[in-house]
Amino acid sequence: MTRVLACGIAAFAALLPAGGAFAQTYPVKPIRMILPFAAGGSTDFTARALSQKLSEQLGQSVIPDNRTGAGGNLGLELGSKAAPDGYVITFTAPILTVSPALYAKLNYDPIRDFAPVSLVAAIQNVLVVHNSVPAKTLKELIQLARDQPGKLNFASNGADATNHLAGEMLKNRFKLNMTHIPYKGSAPQVVALMGGEVDMGIMAVTTALPLVQANRLRAQAVLAEKHVTLLPNVPTSKEAGVKDYVIPFWTGVLAPAATPRDIVDRLSGEIHKAMAAPDLNKRLAANGVEAFVSTPQRFAEFIKSETVRFAKPVKDAGIKAE
């Protein structure tokens, strides 16, 4: 992800001086950033930290506006229908690419109705087990699930959450018979795991860290391409024997479709600059958040590929939005 950040900044350094008339005067008033999730939590923290930095850089306030409802889709719908002038942008997460498979009908089109601006950051996930589970490695866990079909269960913080889909993807890959147990949020999921109500779960590294350090849970693999600084001794999923099992919780910024390209490029360049700033980088890293920026085109491609990637496990597991 560091390489992506460096390449993105280099690409946009050339773009910024050559911006058109819109970009040269934009912004002339505050920008509203729709957050399709509740206040609090790592995603909200990341969005607010970015909006503060963008406000400093742009000389205009970037105002976070939490709009919850429909699993995040209310905020996304509002963002998709905003005027395409760069003064309403939307901070998104994987629900953008999961919703098409979960909902029979959406009031917006995730691809047609948005102009992707940039990926912003990623929070890595880690697979953990309760100490009572005899498997010491991910390979042993998979074998245990094969040997004892139907015995193991796994927790998530919601029936349509990214960590639920990550569990379903593992089940589908290895044809495992495990039971999914959803909880209403990460806090009850953690309580259930610590109490041994469930055998395993997938959660953000920052959430798992104190529990792993206190030997309350065992980390078996980070679902990332490289080692995570906060858990340096935990293998990646590939090192643990499962290739192509990389599932970060990513975030990004969208503008409404038809937003002028020079405005999109200006915003993307400012996001790259903000995410490269040492003070913001340090602040986010302390909370397990790392820069994961991209060009608008790369973000558009990423949205399409993630939509395809999540469609199969959702369909195979028969998951429907609650």
Protein backbone atom coordinates (compact mmCIF):
# COMPACT_ATOMS: atom_id res chain seq x y z
CA MET A 1 0.00 0.00 0.00
CA THR A 2 2.99 2.32 0.52
CA ARG A 3 3.88 1.79 -3.15
CA VAL A 4 0.32 2.69 -4.17
CA LEU A 5 0.50 5.86 -2.08
CA ALA A 6 3.82 6.91 -3.62
CA CYS A 7 2.66 6.25 -7.17
CA GLY A 8 -0.61 8.07 -6.59
CA ILE A 9 1.08 11.19 -5.26
CA ALA A 10 3.50 11.24 -8.19
CA ALA A 11 0.67 10.91 -10.67
CA PHE A 12 -1.33 13.75 -9.19
CA ALA A 13 1.60 16.11 -8.69
CA ALA A 14 1.54 16.65 -12.44
CA LEU A 15 -2.22 17.13 -12.54
CA LEU A 16 -2.70 19.82 -9.94
CA PRO A 17 -0.96 22.80 -11.63
CA ALA A 18 -2.80 22.13 -14.89
CA GLY A 19 -6.32 22.16 -13.47
CA GLY A 20 -9.08 23.89 -15.44
CA ALA A 21 -11.05 26.96 -14.53
CA PHE A 22 -13.23 25.10 -12.03
CA ALA A 23 -10.27 23.63 -10.18
CA GLN A 24 -8.44 26.96 -10.06
CA THR A 25 -11.28 28.65 -8.16
CA TYR A 26 -12.70 25.62 -6.34
CA PRO A 27 -13.64 25.56 -3.51
CA VAL A 28 -15.23 28.90 -2.74
CA LYS A 29 -17.52 27.63 0.05
CA PRO A 30 -17.62 24.78 2.61
CA ILE A 31 -17.77 21.18 1.40
CA ARG A 32 -20.16 18.70 2.99
CA MET A 33 -18.81 15.17 3.47
CA ILE A 34 -21.61 12.62 3.91
CA LEU A 35 -20.69 9.78 6.27
CA PRO A 36 -23.17 6.88 5.75
CA PHE A 37 -22.51 5.46 9.21
CA ALA A 38 -22.92 6.39 12.85
CA ALA A 39 -20.50 8.62 14.72
CA GLY A 40 -17.74 6.79 16.56
CA GLY A 41 -15.69 3.84 15.37
CA SER A 42 -12.63 3.65 13.18
CA THR A 43 -14.37 4.59 9.92
CA ASP A 44 -15.87 7.73 11.40
CA PHE A 45 -12.52 8.56 13.01
CA THR A 46 -10.75 8.23 9.65
CA ALA A 47 -13.30 10.38 7.82
CA ARG A 48 -13.16 13.13 10.43
CA ALA A 49 -9.37 13.12 10.52
CA LEU A 50 -9.28 13.44 6.73
CA SER A 51 -11.93 16.18 6.66
CA GLN A 52 -9.92 18.21 9.19
CA LYS A 53 -6.77 17.92 7.09
CA LEU A 54 -8.60 18.78 3.87
CA SER A 55 -10.07 21.86 5.56
CA GLU A 56 -6.55 23.05 6.35
CA GLN A 57 -5.33 22.43 2.81
CA LEU A 58 -8.30 23.86 0.92
CA GLY A 59 -8.93 26.90 3.07
CA GLN A 60 -12.60 25.94 3.29
CA SER A 61 -14.34 23.79 5.88
CA VAL A 62 -14.99 20.16 4.98
CA ILE A 63 -17.92 19.33 7.25
CA PRO A 64 -18.66 15.70 8.23
CA ASP A 65 -22.36 14.84 8.13
CA ASN A 66 -23.39 11.43 9.51
CA ARG A 67 -26.43 10.09 7.64
CA THR A 68 -27.25 6.60 8.87
CA GLY A 69 -29.91 4.16 7.77
CA ALA A 70 -30.48 1.15 5.51
CA GLY A 71 -27.08 -0.31 6.32
CA GLY A 72 -25.30 2.77 5.00
CA ASN A 73 -27.33 3.02 1.81
CA LEU A 74 -29.33 6.07 2.89
CA GLY A 75 -26.19 8.17 3.01
CA LEU A 76 -24.95 6.75 -0.27
CA GLU A 77 -28.29 7.54 -1.92
CA LEU A 78 -28.12 11.12 -0.67
CA GLY A 79 -24.58 11.45 -1.97
CA SER A 80 -25.52 10.06 -5.37
CA LYS A 81 -28.32 12.59 -5.81
CA ALA A 82 -26.36 15.66 -4.74
CA ALA A 83 -25.51 18.43 -7.18
CA PRO A 84 -22.38 17.47 -9.16
CA ASP A 85 -20.42 20.59 -8.25
CA GLY A 86 -17.88 19.22 -5.76
CA TYR A 87 -19.57 20.65 -2.68
CA VAL A 88 -21.08 17.33 -1.53
CA ILE A 89 -18.84 14.29 -1.38
CA THR A 90 -19.39 10.90 0.23
CA PHE A 91 -17.04 8.88 2.40
CA THR A 92 -17.70 5.25 1.57
CA ALA A 93 -16.75 1.79 2.82
CA PRO A 94 -17.22 -1.78 1.44
CA ILE A 95 -21.02 -1.57 1.78
CA LEU A 96 -20.91 0.21 -1.60
CA THR A 97 -19.69 -2.97 -3.28
CA VAL A 98 -21.62 -5.43 -1.11
CA SER A 99 -25.07 -3.84 -1.35
CA PRO A 100 -25.77 -4.81 -4.99
CA ALA A 101 -25.69 -8.47 -3.94
CA LEU A 102 -27.57 -7.94 -0.67
CA TYR A 103 -30.47 -5.81 -1.85
CA ALA A 104 -32.98 -6.68 -4.55
CA LYS A 105 -33.32 -2.97 -5.28
CA LEU A 106 -31.21 0.07 -4.44
CA ASN A 107 -32.23 3.69 -4.90
CA TYR A 108 -28.87 4.44 -6.50
CA ASP A 109 -26.44 2.69 -8.81
CA PRO A 110 -23.02 2.24 -7.15
CA ILE A 111 -21.21 2.50 -10.48
CA ARG A 112 -23.39 4.74 -12.66
CA ASP A 113 -24.31 7.36 -10.06
CA PHE A 114 -20.87 8.18 -8.65
CA ALA A 115 -17.59 9.63 -9.83
CA PRO A 116 -14.92 7.83 -7.76
CA VAL A 117 -12.38 10.28 -6.37
CA SER A 118 -9.84 8.18 -4.46
CA LEU A 119 -9.42 5.30 -2.13
CA VAL A 120 -8.37 6.71 1.23
CA ALA A 121 -7.29 4.13 3.76
CA ALA A 122 -7.53 0.52 4.86
CA ILE A 123 -7.95 -1.17 8.21
CA GLN A 124 -6.59 -4.70 8.16
CA ASN A 125 -8.60 -7.62 9.50
CA VAL A 126 -7.30 -10.53 11.54
CA LEU A 127 -8.76 -14.00 12.08
CA VAL A 128 -8.85 -14.90 15.77
CA VAL A 129 -9.99 -17.93 17.74
CA HIS A 130 -10.99 -18.52 21.34
CA ASN A 131 -8.31 -20.17 23.44
CA SER A 132 -10.42 -23.33 23.76
CA VAL A 133 -10.04 -24.05 20.04
CA PRO A 134 -7.24 -26.62 19.73
CA ALA A 135 -6.09 -25.47 16.28
CA LYS A 136 -2.91 -23.42 16.60
CA THR A 137 -2.68 -22.32 12.96
CA LEU A 138 -5.07 -21.42 10.18
CA LYS A 139 -4.26 -24.68 8.38
CA GLU A 140 -5.08 -26.63 11.54
CA LEU A 141 -8.32 -24.67 11.94
CA ILE A 142 -9.40 -25.56 8.41
CA GLN A 143 -8.56 -29.21 9.03
CA LEU A 144 -10.46 -29.16 12.33
CA ALA A 145 -13.53 -27.79 10.57
CA ARG A 146 -13.24 -30.56 7.98
CA ASP A 147 -12.85 -33.27 10.59
CA GLN A 148 -15.76 -32.02 12.70
CA PRO A 149 -18.39 -30.64 10.27
CA GLY A 150 -20.99 -28.45 11.88
CA LYS A 151 -19.16 -28.11 15.19
CA LEU A 152 -17.30 -24.83 14.71
CA ASN A 153 -19.02 -21.47 14.51
CA PHE A 154 -17.84 -17.98 13.69
CA ALA A 155 -18.98 -14.53 14.79
CA SER A 156 -19.46 -11.33 12.86
CA ASN A 157 -20.72 -7.87 13.76
CA GLY A 158 -23.68 -8.20 11.40
CA ALA A 159 -25.25 -10.49 8.83
CA ASP A 160 -24.06 -8.30 5.96
CA ALA A 161 -20.78 -7.10 7.46
CA THR A 162 -17.45 -7.50 5.71
CA ASN A 163 -16.22 -9.93 8.37
CA HIS A 164 -19.30 -12.09 7.79
CA LEU A 165 -18.49 -12.26 4.09
CA ALA A 166 -14.86 -13.02 4.90
CA GLY A 167 -16.01 -16.02 6.95
CA GLU A 168 -18.30 -17.18 4.13
CA MET A 169 -15.45 -16.88 1.64
CA LEU A 170 -13.30 -19.18 3.80
CA LYS A 171 -16.19 -21.64 4.08
CA ASN A 172 -16.77 -21.66 0.34
CA ARG A 173 -13.10 -21.95 -0.54
CA PHE A 174 -12.60 -25.09 1.54
CA LYS A 175 -16.19 -26.43 1.54
CA LEU A 176 -16.43 -26.12 5.32
CA ASN A 177 -19.55 -26.68 7.40
CA MET A 178 -19.42 -23.88 9.99
CA THR A 179 -22.25 -21.89 11.54
CA HIS A 180 -22.36 -18.11 11.27
CA ILE A 181 -23.52 -16.25 14.40
CA PRO A 182 -24.18 -12.54 13.79
CA TYR A 183 -24.05 -9.92 16.53
CA LYS A 184 -25.28 -6.34 16.48
CA GLY A 185 -21.97 -4.59 16.37
CA SER A 186 -18.34 -5.30 17.14
CA ALA A 187 -18.67 -4.92 20.94
CA PRO A 188 -21.06 -7.88 21.46
CA GLN A 189 -19.04 -9.88 18.94
CA VAL A 190 -15.91 -9.36 21.03
CA VAL A 191 -17.74 -10.26 24.27
CA ALA A 192 -19.01 -13.48 22.71
CA LEU A 193 -15.54 -14.42 21.50
CA MET A 194 -13.89 -13.72 24.85
CA GLY A 195 -16.57 -15.73 26.64
CA GLY A 196 -16.20 -18.71 24.34
CA GLU A 197 -19.76 -18.46 23.00
CA VAL A 198 -18.22 -18.66 19.54
CA ASP A 199 -15.07 -20.33 18.31
CA MET A 200 -13.66 -17.82 15.85
CA GLY A 201 -14.19 -14.43 14.28
CA ILE A 202 -12.67 -11.86 11.98
CA MET A 203 -12.19 -8.32 13.24
CA ALA A 204 -10.13 -5.18 12.80
CA VAL A 205 -6.56 -5.48 14.01
CA THR A 206 -7.05 -2.54 16.37
CA THR A 207 -10.01 -4.28 18.01
CA ALA A 208 -8.17 -7.57 18.37
CA LEU A 209 -4.84 -6.15 19.54
CA PRO A 210 -5.49 -5.76 23.30
CA LEU A 211 -7.26 -9.13 23.43
CA VAL A 212 -4.40 -10.91 21.70
CA GLN A 213 -1.82 -9.15 23.87
CA ALA A 214 -3.75 -10.20 27.00
CA ASN A 215 -3.91 -13.81 25.73
CA ARG A 216 -7.71 -13.68 25.67
CA LEU A 217 -7.79 -14.62 21.98
CA ARG A 218 -5.27 -16.16 19.56
CA ALA A 219 -4.53 -14.48 16.24
CA GLN A 220 -4.03 -16.96 13.41
CA ALA A 221 -3.63 -14.75 10.34
CA VAL A 222 -3.98 -11.17 9.18
CA LEU A 223 -6.03 -11.03 5.99
CA ALA A 224 -3.49 -8.77 4.34
CA GLU A 225 -0.74 -8.85 1.76
CA LYS A 226 1.96 -7.93 4.25
CA HIS A 227 2.63 -8.07 7.98
CA VAL A 228 0.77 -5.59 10.17
CA THR A 229 2.93 -3.42 12.41
CA LEU A 230 0.63 -3.80 15.41
CA LEU A 231 0.79 -7.63 15.17
CA PRO A 232 4.24 -8.22 13.66
CA ASN A 233 4.46 -11.90 14.62
CA VAL A 234 1.12 -12.91 13.13
CA PRO A 235 1.46 -14.42 9.62
CA THR A 236 -0.39 -13.12 6.59
CA SER A 237 -3.13 -15.34 5.20
CA LYS A 238 -0.81 -16.41 2.39
CA GLU A 239 1.94 -17.32 4.84
CA ALA A 240 -0.68 -19.22 6.86
CA GLY A 241 -1.52 -21.34 3.81
CA VAL A 242 -4.48 -19.54 2.21
CA LYS A 243 -3.64 -17.62 -0.96
CA ASP A 244 -5.74 -14.72 -2.26
CA TYR A 245 -7.51 -14.26 1.06
CA VAL A 246 -6.89 -10.55 1.49
CA ILE A 247 -9.88 -8.68 2.92
CA PRO A 248 -9.16 -5.21 4.28
CA PHE A 249 -11.86 -2.84 5.42
CA TRP A 250 -11.24 -0.06 2.93
CA THR A 251 -12.58 3.48 2.69
CA GLY A 252 -12.81 5.97 -0.15
CA VAL A 253 -14.33 9.24 -1.34
CA LEU A 254 -16.99 9.58 -4.03
CA ALA A 255 -18.45 12.57 -5.83
CA PRO A 256 -21.77 12.55 -7.68
CA ALA A 257 -21.65 11.45 -11.29
CA ALA A 258 -21.15 14.32 -13.77
CA THR A 259 -18.89 16.20 -11.36
CA PRO A 260 -16.38 18.05 -13.59
CA ARG A 261 -13.22 16.03 -14.08
CA ASP A 262 -10.93 18.84 -12.94
CA ILE A 263 -12.85 19.03 -9.66
CA VAL A 264 -12.50 15.26 -9.20
CA ASP A 265 -8.78 15.49 -9.95
CA ARG A 266 -8.34 18.41 -7.55
CA LEU A 267 -10.09 16.51 -4.74
CA SER A 268 -8.10 13.38 -5.45
CA GLY A 269 -4.84 15.26 -5.41
CA GLU A 270 -5.74 16.92 -2.10
CA ILE A 271 -6.63 13.54 -0.58
CA HIS A 272 -3.27 12.15 -1.68
CA LYS A 273 -1.51 15.13 -0.16
CA ALA A 274 -3.46 14.79 3.10
CA MET A 275 -2.81 11.07 3.43
CA ALA A 276 0.91 11.63 2.86
CA ALA A 277 1.13 14.29 5.57
CA PRO A 278 3.27 12.94 8.46
CA ASP A 279 0.95 14.24 11.19
CA LEU A 280 -2.18 12.64 9.73
CA ASN A 281 -0.31 9.47 8.83
CA LYS A 282 0.94 9.12 12.40
CA ARG A 283 -2.48 9.84 13.88
CA LEU A 284 -4.16 7.22 11.70
CA ALA A 285 -1.41 4.61 12.09
CA ALA A 286 -1.79 4.77 15.88
CA ASN A 287 -5.34 3.53 15.31
CA GLY A 288 -4.40 0.80 12.85
CA VAL A 289 -5.40 2.81 9.77
CA GLU A 290 -3.00 2.98 6.82
CA ALA A 291 -3.04 5.07 3.65
CA PHE A 292 -4.50 3.23 0.66
CA VAL A 293 -4.95 5.92 -1.99
CA SER A 294 -5.56 5.59 -5.71
CA THR A 295 -6.30 7.49 -8.88
CA PRO A 296 -9.98 8.01 -9.74
CA GLN A 297 -9.68 5.45 -12.52
CA ARG A 298 -8.08 2.87 -10.26
CA PHE A 299 -10.79 3.42 -7.65
CA ALA A 300 -13.47 2.91 -10.32
CA GLU A 301 -11.83 -0.38 -11.33
CA PHE A 302 -11.53 -1.39 -7.69
CA ILE A 303 -15.25 -0.79 -7.07
CA LYS A 304 -16.15 -3.00 -10.02
CA SER A 305 -13.79 -5.80 -9.01
CA GLU A 306 -14.91 -5.77 -5.37
CA THR A 307 -18.56 -5.86 -6.44
CA VAL A 308 -17.83 -9.01 -8.45
CA ARG A 309 -15.71 -10.53 -5.68
CA PHE A 310 -18.40 -10.24 -3.01
CA ALA A 311 -21.31 -11.31 -5.22
CA LYS A 312 -20.46 -15.03 -5.13
CA PRO A 313 -20.14 -15.54 -1.34
CA VAL A 314 -23.32 -13.52 -0.79
CA LYS A 315 -25.22 -15.61 -3.32
CA ASP A 316 -23.75 -18.95 -2.19
CA ALA A 317 -24.55 -18.24 1.45
CA GLY A 318 -28.01 -16.90 0.67
CA ILE A 319 -27.30 -13.69 2.59
CA LYS A 320 -29.99 -11.03 2.50
CA ALA A 321 -29.96 -7.56 4.01
CA GLU A 322 -31.64 -7.38 7.42
